[in-house]
């Protein structure tokens, strides 16, 4: 467990994390499928998490919180996997073609040279994105569920 920090400070850090996380995700995969995921999955999920923490903060103004450091590592690991496997290049996506993942964009530029989109996709990486997204969301839920809030006498 971590050292105890003020719940107000933890709330501020978590809000900054959610905004930064959305910014980095949209920066690395600025495509239509990524926008759909942000609008219908990440924004509602982050909104519920932030609302939960803010309501806890309002109920316990002078409380401190302790969190599990290892779960932070899991969250960052799953977030990294989520970003690397996210859809980054979706030329022809509306015609039923799959998107290239961000990691494939980093390691190859074949899909930029071939507008016929005949470059083979890394299907294992592309199909692992939904799994990474679900594991990331579960890790955040477990992290928030295992917070230890200690009320401090005023």
Protein backbone atom coordinates (compact mmCIF):
# COMPACT_ATOMS: atom_id res chain seq x y z
CA UNK A 1 0.00 0.00 0.00
CA UNK A 2 1.03 3.57 -0.56
CA UNK A 3 1.52 6.32 1.97
CA UNK A 4 -1.65 8.08 2.98
CA UNK A 5 -2.44 11.15 0.89
CA UNK A 6 -5.33 13.57 1.14
CA UNK A 7 -8.44 12.42 -0.67
CA UNK A 8 -8.76 15.86 -2.28
CA UNK A 9 -5.25 15.49 -3.72
CA UNK A 10 -6.00 11.96 -4.94
CA UNK A 11 -9.18 13.21 -6.62
CA UNK A 12 -7.22 15.93 -8.38
CA UNK A 13 -4.59 13.45 -9.57
CA UNK A 14 -7.22 11.02 -10.82
CA UNK A 15 -9.02 13.75 -12.78
CA UNK A 16 -5.73 14.81 -14.37
CA UNK A 17 -5.01 11.16 -15.20
CA UNK A 18 -8.36 10.68 -16.96
CA UNK A 19 -7.92 13.80 -19.09
CA UNK A 20 -4.31 12.90 -19.94
CA UNK A 21 -5.32 9.32 -20.72
CA UNK A 22 -8.01 10.45 -23.16
CA UNK A 23 -5.62 12.95 -24.73
CA UNK A 24 -2.86 10.37 -25.26
CA UNK A 25 -5.33 7.80 -26.61
CA UNK A 26 -6.79 10.25 -29.12
CA UNK A 27 -3.33 11.50 -30.05
CA UNK A 28 -2.09 8.00 -30.89
CA UNK A 29 -5.22 6.77 -32.65
CA UNK A 30 -7.19 9.62 -34.14
CA UNK A 31 -9.58 7.49 -36.21
CA UNK A 32 -13.32 6.91 -36.45
CA UNK A 33 -13.27 3.61 -34.50
CA UNK A 34 -11.17 5.24 -31.77
CA UNK A 35 -13.62 8.12 -31.60
CA UNK A 36 -16.49 5.68 -31.23
CA UNK A 37 -14.65 3.94 -28.39
CA UNK A 38 -13.99 7.26 -26.68
CA UNK A 39 -17.58 8.48 -26.99
CA UNK A 40 -19.35 5.26 -26.07
CA UNK A 41 -16.89 3.52 -23.72
CA UNK A 42 -14.13 5.67 -22.24
CA UNK A 43 -15.98 8.95 -21.62
CA UNK A 44 -18.94 7.32 -19.81
CA UNK A 45 -16.59 5.05 -17.85
CA UNK A 46 -14.27 7.87 -16.80
CA UNK A 47 -17.27 10.06 -15.97
CA UNK A 48 -18.66 7.41 -13.63
CA UNK A 49 -15.26 6.91 -11.98
CA UNK A 50 -14.67 10.64 -11.50
CA UNK A 51 -18.23 11.14 -10.21
CA UNK A 52 -17.71 8.31 -7.72
CA UNK A 53 -14.44 9.75 -6.43
CA UNK A 54 -15.79 13.31 -6.28
CA UNK A 55 -18.87 12.17 -4.32
CA UNK A 56 -16.63 10.25 -1.92
CA UNK A 57 -14.48 13.36 -1.61
CA UNK A 58 -17.52 15.51 -0.79
CA UNK A 59 -18.69 13.06 1.89
CA UNK A 60 -15.24 12.77 3.49
CA UNK A 61 -13.63 16.18 3.14
CA UNK A 62 -10.76 15.59 5.57
CA UNK A 63 -10.09 11.94 4.74
CA UNK A 64 -6.89 10.34 3.56
CA UNK A 65 -6.60 7.56 1.04
CA UNK A 66 -4.20 4.69 0.50
CA UNK A 67 -3.98 2.70 -2.71
CA UNK A 68 -2.26 -0.41 -3.98
CA UNK A 69 0.90 0.49 -5.92
CA UNK A 70 0.91 -2.81 -7.81
CA UNK A 71 -2.50 -2.11 -9.29
CA UNK A 72 -1.15 1.17 -10.66
CA UNK A 73 1.46 -0.86 -12.52
CA UNK A 74 -1.25 -3.14 -13.92
CA UNK A 75 -3.30 -0.14 -15.03
CA UNK A 76 -0.33 1.43 -16.79
CA UNK A 77 0.61 -1.90 -18.41
CA UNK A 78 -2.91 -2.48 -19.74
CA UNK A 79 -3.14 1.14 -20.86
CA UNK A 80 0.10 0.77 -22.78
CA UNK A 81 -1.16 -2.42 -24.43
CA UNK A 82 -4.48 -0.70 -25.18
CA UNK A 83 -2.69 2.19 -26.87
CA UNK A 84 -0.31 -0.03 -28.86
CA UNK A 85 -3.12 -2.26 -30.15
CA UNK A 86 -5.60 0.55 -30.81
CA UNK A 87 -6.76 1.26 -34.37
CA UNK A 88 -4.43 3.91 -35.79
CA UNK A 89 -4.80 3.80 -39.57
CA UNK A 90 -8.22 3.01 -40.94
CA UNK A 91 -8.00 3.67 -44.66
CA UNK A 92 -11.00 1.88 -46.14
CA UNK A 93 -12.55 1.12 -42.76
CA UNK A 94 -16.03 2.03 -43.97
CA UNK A 95 -15.72 -0.56 -46.75
CA UNK A 96 -15.27 -3.36 -44.23
CA UNK A 97 -11.50 -3.46 -44.04
CA UNK A 98 -9.86 -3.74 -40.65
CA UNK A 99 -7.66 -1.00 -39.22
CA UNK A 100 -3.93 -1.13 -38.71
CA UNK A 101 -2.88 -1.08 -35.08
CA UNK A 102 -0.72 1.67 -33.63
CA UNK A 103 2.20 -0.71 -33.06
CA UNK A 104 2.08 -1.72 -36.73
CA UNK A 105 2.12 1.97 -37.62
CA UNK A 106 5.23 2.41 -35.48
CA UNK A 107 7.16 -0.52 -36.92
CA UNK A 108 6.15 -0.36 -40.57
CA UNK A 109 5.01 2.17 -43.08
CA UNK A 110 3.81 -0.32 -45.68
CA UNK A 111 0.17 0.67 -45.38
CA UNK A 112 1.06 4.28 -46.16
CA UNK A 113 2.78 3.25 -49.39
CA UNK A 114 0.04 0.89 -50.52
CA UNK A 115 -3.29 2.61 -51.02
CA UNK A 116 -4.84 -0.61 -52.29
CA UNK A 117 -4.57 -1.76 -48.66
CA UNK A 118 -3.12 -5.15 -49.56
CA UNK A 119 -0.51 -5.10 -46.81
CA UNK A 120 -1.14 -7.97 -44.41
CA UNK A 121 -2.59 -6.94 -41.10
CA UNK A 122 -1.25 -8.07 -37.75
CA UNK A 123 -4.53 -9.73 -36.88
CA UNK A 124 -3.37 -11.07 -33.53
CA UNK A 125 -2.52 -7.56 -32.39
CA UNK A 126 -5.67 -6.04 -33.87
CA UNK A 127 -7.97 -8.60 -32.26
CA UNK A 128 -6.28 -8.16 -28.88
CA UNK A 129 -7.43 -4.53 -28.62
CA UNK A 130 -10.91 -5.28 -27.19
CA UNK A 131 -9.35 -7.66 -24.67
CA UNK A 132 -6.78 -5.05 -23.63
CA UNK A 133 -9.53 -2.44 -23.33
CA UNK A 134 -11.67 -4.66 -21.09
CA UNK A 135 -8.67 -5.63 -18.93
CA UNK A 136 -7.75 -1.96 -18.59
CA UNK A 137 -11.27 -1.02 -17.48
CA UNK A 138 -11.39 -3.94 -15.03
CA UNK A 139 -8.02 -2.90 -13.58
CA UNK A 140 -9.32 0.62 -12.94
CA UNK A 141 -12.47 -0.73 -11.28
CA UNK A 142 -10.41 -3.01 -9.03
CA UNK A 143 -8.05 -0.13 -8.23
CA UNK A 144 -10.93 2.12 -7.19
CA UNK A 145 -12.66 -0.68 -5.28
CA UNK A 146 -9.54 -1.39 -3.22
CA UNK A 147 -8.94 2.20 -2.12
CA UNK A 148 -8.63 2.51 1.64
CA UNK A 149 -10.23 5.71 2.86
CA UNK A 150 -9.43 6.76 6.43
CA UNK A 151 -11.46 9.48 8.06
CA UNK A 152 -9.38 12.04 9.90
CA UNK A 153 -10.72 13.93 12.89
CA UNK A 154 -11.27 17.58 12.08
